[in-house]
Amino acid sequence: QAARVAIASSQENFRLAQGRFDVG
């Protein structure tokens, strides 16, 4: 249960970090 919550959070965090990196 804890790992699935962590996956959801880390996926969102990676999406945001990817977006920030892509726009420089």
PDB file of all heavy atoms in Angstrom:
ATOM      1  N   GLN A   1       0.832  -1.208   0.000  1.00  0.00           N
ATOM      2  CA  GLN A   1       0.000   0.000   0.000  1.00  0.00           C
ATOM      3  C   GLN A   1       0.863   1.253   0.000  1.00  0.00           C
ATOM      4  O   GLN A   1       0.604   2.214  -0.752  1.00  0.00           O
ATOM      5  CB  GLN A   1      -0.923  -0.013   1.227  1.00  0.00           C
ATOM      6  CG  GLN A   1      -1.888  -1.189   1.282  1.00  0.00           C
ATOM      7  CD  GLN A   1      -2.900  -1.183   0.148  1.00  0.00           C
ATOM      8  OE1 GLN A   1      -3.166  -0.146  -0.458  1.00  0.00           O
ATOM      9  NE2 GLN A   1      -3.463  -2.347  -0.158  1.00  0.00           N
ATOM     10  N   ALA A   2       1.895   1.261   0.836  1.00  0.00           N
ATOM     11  CA  ALA A   2       2.764   2.437   0.904  1.00  0.00           C
ATOM     12  C   ALA A   2       3.519   2.637  -0.408  1.00  0.00           C
ATOM     13  O   ALA A   2       3.701   3.783  -0.871  1.00  0.00           O
ATOM     14  CB  ALA A   2       3.744   2.285   2.063  1.00  0.00           C
ATOM     15  N   ALA A   3       3.973   1.544  -1.022  1.00  0.00           N
ATOM     16  CA  ALA A   3       4.721   1.657  -2.274  1.00  0.00           C
ATOM     17  C   ALA A   3       3.845   2.214  -3.386  1.00  0.00           C
ATOM     18  O   ALA A   3       4.321   3.001  -4.229  1.00  0.00           O
ATOM     19  CB  ALA A   3       5.274   0.287  -2.668  1.00  0.00           C
ATOM     20  N   ARG A   4       2.588   1.852  -3.410  1.00  0.00           N
ATOM     21  CA  ARG A   4       1.707   2.356  -4.461  1.00  0.00           C
ATOM     22  C   ARG A   4       1.441   3.845  -4.299  1.00  0.00           C
ATOM     23  O   ARG A   4       1.336   4.580  -5.297  1.00  0.00           O
ATOM     24  CB  ARG A   4       0.411   1.553  -4.458  1.00  0.00           C
ATOM     25  CG  ARG A   4       0.629   0.133  -4.950  1.00  0.00           C
ATOM     26  CD  ARG A   4      -0.621  -0.692  -5.059  1.00  0.00           C
ATOM     27  NE  ARG A   4      -0.335  -1.961  -5.729  1.00  0.00           N
ATOM     28  CZ  ARG A   4      -1.216  -2.921  -5.935  1.00  0.00           C
ATOM     29  NH1 ARG A   4      -2.463  -2.764  -5.507  1.00  0.00           N
ATOM     30  NH2 ARG A   4      -0.867  -4.028  -6.558  1.00  0.00           N
ATOM     31  N   VAL A   5       1.346   4.293  -3.080  1.00  0.00           N
ATOM     32  CA  VAL A   5       1.225   5.729  -2.850  1.00  0.00           C
ATOM     33  C   VAL A   5       2.503   6.437  -3.296  1.00  0.00           C
ATOM     34  O   VAL A   5       2.461   7.502  -3.939  1.00  0.00           O
ATOM     35  CB  VAL A   5       0.942   6.017  -1.360  1.00  0.00           C
ATOM     36  CG1 VAL A   5       0.979   7.510  -1.079  1.00  0.00           C
ATOM     37  CG2 VAL A   5      -0.407   5.431  -0.955  1.00  0.00           C
ATOM     38  N   ALA A   6       3.660   5.836  -2.985  1.00  0.00           N
ATOM     39  CA  ALA A   6       4.935   6.433  -3.372  1.00  0.00           C
ATOM     40  C   ALA A   6       5.082   6.486  -4.888  1.00  0.00           C
ATOM     41  O   ALA A   6       5.626   7.456  -5.439  1.00  0.00           O
ATOM     42  CB  ALA A   6       6.087   5.649  -2.753  1.00  0.00           C
ATOM     43  N   ILE A   7       4.604   5.447  -5.593  1.00  0.00           N
ATOM     44  CA  ILE A   7       4.687   5.443  -7.053  1.00  0.00           C
ATOM     45  C   ILE A   7       3.872   6.587  -7.640  1.00  0.00           C
ATOM     46  O   ILE A   7       4.332   7.295  -8.548  1.00  0.00           O
ATOM     47  CB  ILE A   7       4.204   4.087  -7.614  1.00  0.00           C
ATOM     48  CG1 ILE A   7       5.241   3.000  -7.338  1.00  0.00           C
ATOM     49  CG2 ILE A   7       3.939   4.179  -9.108  1.00  0.00           C
ATOM     50  CD1 ILE A   7       4.807   1.616  -7.772  1.00  0.00           C
ATOM     51  N   ALA A   8       2.653   6.760  -7.135  1.00  0.00           N
ATOM     52  CA  ALA A   8       1.808   7.843  -7.642  1.00  0.00           C
ATOM     53  C   ALA A   8       2.480   9.192  -7.433  1.00  0.00           C
ATOM     54  O   ALA A   8       2.486  10.060  -8.329  1.00  0.00           O
ATOM     55  CB  ALA A   8       0.451   7.802  -6.962  1.00  0.00           C
ATOM     56  N   SER A   9       3.062   9.410  -6.257  1.00  0.00           N
ATOM     57  CA  SER A   9       3.716  10.685  -5.971  1.00  0.00           C
ATOM     58  C   SER A   9       4.969  10.869  -6.823  1.00  0.00           C
ATOM     59  O   SER A   9       5.209  11.962  -7.366  1.00  0.00           O
ATOM     60  CB  SER A   9       4.084  10.758  -4.486  1.00  0.00           C
ATOM     61  OG  SER A   9       2.922  10.670  -3.683  1.00  0.00           O
ATOM     62  N   SER A  10       5.778   9.801  -6.946  1.00  0.00           N
ATOM     63  CA  SER A  10       7.024   9.925  -7.706  1.00  0.00           C
ATOM     64  C   SER A  10       6.752  10.084  -9.199  1.00  0.00           C
ATOM     65  O   SER A  10       7.517  10.760  -9.904  1.00  0.00           O
ATOM     66  CB  SER A  10       7.914   8.698  -7.452  1.00  0.00           C
ATOM     67  OG  SER A  10       7.257   7.503  -7.818  1.00  0.00           O
ATOM     68  N   GLN A  11       5.675   9.499  -9.706  1.00  0.00           N
ATOM     69  CA  GLN A  11       5.323   9.704 -11.114  1.00  0.00           C
ATOM     70  C   GLN A  11       4.955  11.161 -11.381  1.00  0.00           C
ATOM     71  O   GLN A  11       5.380  11.740 -12.378  1.00  0.00           O
ATOM     72  CB  GLN A  11       4.159   8.775 -11.498  1.00  0.00           C
ATOM     73  CG  GLN A  11       4.555   7.317 -11.695  1.00  0.00           C
ATOM     74  CD  GLN A  11       3.373   6.431 -11.979  1.00  0.00           C
ATOM     75  OE1 GLN A  11       2.223   6.748 -11.620  1.00  0.00           O
ATOM     76  NE2 GLN A  11       3.622   5.286 -12.614  1.00  0.00           N
ATOM     77  N   GLU A  12       4.185  11.739 -10.477  1.00  0.00           N
ATOM     78  CA  GLU A  12       3.821  13.149 -10.633  1.00  0.00           C
ATOM     79  C   GLU A  12       5.052  14.044 -10.500  1.00  0.00           C
ATOM     80  O   GLU A  12       5.223  15.012 -11.257  1.00  0.00           O
ATOM     81  CB  GLU A  12       2.762  13.521  -9.589  1.00  0.00           C
ATOM     82  CG  GLU A  12       2.312  14.975  -9.638  1.00  0.00           C
ATOM     83  CD  GLU A  12       1.625  15.333 -10.947  1.00  0.00           C
ATOM     84  OE1 GLU A  12       1.202  14.409 -11.684  1.00  0.00           O
ATOM     85  OE2 GLU A  12       1.506  16.540 -11.229  1.00  0.00           O
ATOM     86  N   ASN A  13       5.928  13.705  -9.536  1.00  0.00           N
ATOM     87  CA  ASN A  13       7.148  14.497  -9.352  1.00  0.00           C
ATOM     88  C   ASN A  13       8.046  14.410 -10.584  1.00  0.00           C
ATOM     89  O   ASN A  13       8.625  15.422 -11.014  1.00  0.00           O
ATOM     90  CB  ASN A  13       7.893  13.991  -8.118  1.00  0.00           C
ATOM     91  CG  ASN A  13       9.119  14.807  -7.816  1.00  0.00           C
ATOM     92  OD1 ASN A  13       9.077  16.046  -7.812  1.00  0.00           O
ATOM     93  ND2 ASN A  13      10.247  14.139  -7.572  1.00  0.00           N
ATOM     94  N   PHE A  14       8.155  13.206 -11.169  1.00  0.00           N
ATOM     95  CA  PHE A  14       8.974  13.051 -12.370  1.00  0.00           C
ATOM     96  C   PHE A  14       8.364  13.816 -13.548  1.00  0.00           C
ATOM     97  O   PHE A  14       9.085  14.435 -14.347  1.00  0.00           O
ATOM     98  CB  PHE A  14       9.120  11.574 -12.723  1.00  0.00           C
ATOM     99  CG  PHE A  14       9.878  11.341 -14.002  1.00  0.00           C
ATOM    100  CD1 PHE A  14      11.257  11.481 -14.033  1.00  0.00           C
ATOM    101  CD2 PHE A  14       9.216  10.998 -15.175  1.00  0.00           C
ATOM    102  CE1 PHE A  14      11.964  11.273 -15.217  1.00  0.00           C
ATOM    103  CE2 PHE A  14       9.919  10.791 -16.346  1.00  0.00           C
ATOM    104  CZ  PHE A  14      11.291  10.930 -16.367  1.00  0.00           C
ATOM    105  N   ARG A  15       7.040  13.769 -13.657  1.00  0.00           N
ATOM    106  CA  ARG A  15       6.381  14.507 -14.747  1.00  0.00           C
ATOM    107  C   ARG A  15       6.672  15.995 -14.649  1.00  0.00           C
ATOM    108  O   ARG A  15       6.991  16.643 -15.660  1.00  0.00           O
ATOM    109  CB  ARG A  15       4.873  14.250 -14.708  1.00  0.00           C
ATOM    110  CG  ARG A  15       4.104  14.840 -15.879  1.00  0.00           C
ATOM    111  CD  ARG A  15       2.620  14.661 -15.690  1.00  0.00           C
ATOM    112  NE  ARG A  15       2.132  15.440 -14.550  1.00  0.00           N
ATOM    113  CZ  ARG A  15       1.881  16.749 -14.601  1.00  0.00           C
ATOM    114  NH1 ARG A  15       2.064  17.426 -15.735  1.00  0.00           N
ATOM    115  NH2 ARG A  15       1.419  17.378 -13.538  1.00  0.00           N
ATOM    116  N   LEU A  16       6.604  16.521 -13.429  1.00  0.00           N
ATOM    117  CA  LEU A  16       6.876  17.953 -13.245  1.00  0.00           C
ATOM    118  C   LEU A  16       8.343  18.273 -13.526  1.00  0.00           C
ATOM    119  O   LEU A  16       8.660  19.285 -14.182  1.00  0.00           O
ATOM    120  CB  LEU A  16       6.505  18.373 -11.826  1.00  0.00           C
ATOM    121  CG  LEU A  16       5.015  18.294 -11.477  1.00  0.00           C
ATOM    122  CD1 LEU A  16       4.792  18.611 -10.004  1.00  0.00           C
ATOM    123  CD2 LEU A  16       4.201  19.238 -12.357  1.00  0.00           C
ATOM    124  N   ALA A  17       9.243  17.420 -13.027  1.00  0.00           N
ATOM    125  CA  ALA A  17      10.665  17.663 -13.250  1.00  0.00           C
ATOM    126  C   ALA A  17      11.013  17.558 -14.731  1.00  0.00           C
ATOM    127  O   ALA A  17      11.836  18.337 -15.248  1.00  0.00           O
ATOM    128  CB  ALA A  17      11.490  16.667 -12.443  1.00  0.00           C
ATOM    129  N   GLN A  18      10.383  16.600 -15.420  1.00  0.00           N
ATOM    130  CA  GLN A  18      10.604  16.452 -16.852  1.00  0.00           C
ATOM    131  C   GLN A  18      10.139  17.689 -17.606  1.00  0.00           C
ATOM    132  O   GLN A  18      10.827  18.188 -18.505  1.00  0.00           O
ATOM    133  CB  GLN A  18       9.854  15.221 -17.351  1.00  0.00           C
ATOM    134  CG  GLN A  18      10.088  14.898 -18.833  1.00  0.00           C
ATOM    135  CD  GLN A  18      11.437  14.267 -19.081  1.00  0.00           C
ATOM    136  OE1 GLN A  18      11.718  13.203 -18.562  1.00  0.00           O
ATOM    137  NE2 GLN A  18      12.290  14.917 -19.859  1.00  0.00           N
ATOM    138  N   GLY A  19       8.973  18.183 -17.211  1.00  0.00           N
ATOM    139  CA  GLY A  19       8.460  19.387 -17.866  1.00  0.00           C
ATOM    140  C   GLY A  19       9.354  20.596 -17.629  1.00  0.00           C
ATOM    141  O   GLY A  19       9.618  21.368 -18.561  1.00  0.00           O
ATOM    142  N   ARG A  20       9.847  20.753 -16.414  1.00  0.00           N
ATOM    143  CA  ARG A  20      10.724  21.883 -16.117  1.00  0.00           C
ATOM    144  C   ARG A  20      12.033  21.772 -16.891  1.00  0.00           C
ATOM    145  O   ARG A  20      12.554  22.772 -17.390  1.00  0.00           O
ATOM    146  CB  ARG A  20      11.003  21.918 -14.611  1.00  0.00           C
ATOM    147  CG  ARG A  20       9.799  22.371 -13.777  1.00  0.00           C
ATOM    148  CD  ARG A  20      10.043  22.144 -12.295  1.00  0.00           C
ATOM    149  NE  ARG A  20      11.249  22.839 -11.837  1.00  0.00           N
ATOM    150  CZ  ARG A  20      11.289  24.146 -11.517  1.00  0.00           C
ATOM    151  NH1 ARG A  20      10.187  24.872 -11.609  1.00  0.00           N
ATOM    152  NH2 ARG A  20      12.413  24.707 -11.113  1.00  0.00           N
ATOM    153  N   PHE A  21      12.560  20.536 -16.995  1.00  0.00           N
ATOM    154  CA  PHE A  21      13.817  20.362 -17.717  1.00  0.00           C
ATOM    155  C   PHE A  21      13.632  20.617 -19.208  1.00  0.00           C
ATOM    156  O   PHE A  21      14.499  21.222 -19.865  1.00  0.00           O
ATOM    157  CB  PHE A  21      14.347  18.954 -17.484  1.00  0.00           C
ATOM    158  CG  PHE A  21      15.673  18.682 -18.138  1.00  0.00           C
ATOM    159  CD1 PHE A  21      16.849  19.173 -17.577  1.00  0.00           C
ATOM    160  CD2 PHE A  21      15.752  17.941 -19.312  1.00  0.00           C
ATOM    161  CE1 PHE A  21      18.080  18.934 -18.185  1.00  0.00           C
ATOM    162  CE2 PHE A  21      16.979  17.696 -19.903  1.00  0.00           C
ATOM    163  CZ  PHE A  21      18.141  18.190 -19.343  1.00  0.00           C
ATOM    164  N   ASP A  22      12.484  20.181 -19.755  1.00  0.00           N
ATOM    165  CA  ASP A  22      12.242  20.332 -21.192  1.00  0.00           C
ATOM    166  C   ASP A  22      12.115  21.793 -21.599  1.00  0.00           C
ATOM    167  O   ASP A  22      12.466  22.162 -22.737  1.00  0.00           O
ATOM    168  CB  ASP A  22      10.981  19.574 -21.596  1.00  0.00           C
ATOM    169  CG  ASP A  22      11.193  18.062 -21.550  1.00  0.00           C
ATOM    170  OD1 ASP A  22      12.368  17.626 -21.526  1.00  0.00           O
ATOM    171  OD2 ASP A  22      10.198  17.313 -21.507  1.00  0.00           O
ATOM    172  N   VAL A  23      11.614  22.640 -20.701  1.00  0.00           N
ATOM    173  CA  VAL A  23      11.484  24.070 -21.035  1.00  0.00           C
ATOM    174  C   VAL A  23      12.702  24.856 -20.586  1.00  0.00           C
ATOM    175  O   VAL A  23      12.716  26.098 -20.700  1.00  0.00           O
ATOM    176  CB  VAL A  23      10.210  24.659 -20.408  1.00  0.00           C
ATOM    177  CG1 VAL A  23       8.973  23.952 -20.949  1.00  0.00           C
ATOM    178  CG2 VAL A  23      10.256  24.566 -18.886  1.00  0.00           C
ATOM    179  N   GLY A  24      13.712  24.158 -20.056  1.00  0.00           N
ATOM    180  CA  GLY A  24      14.947  24.826 -19.697  1.00  0.00           C
ATOM    181  C   GLY A  24      14.960  25.482 -18.344  1.00  0.00           C
ATOM    182  O   GLY A  24      15.914  26.212 -18.019  1.00  0.00           O
TER     183      GLY A  24
END
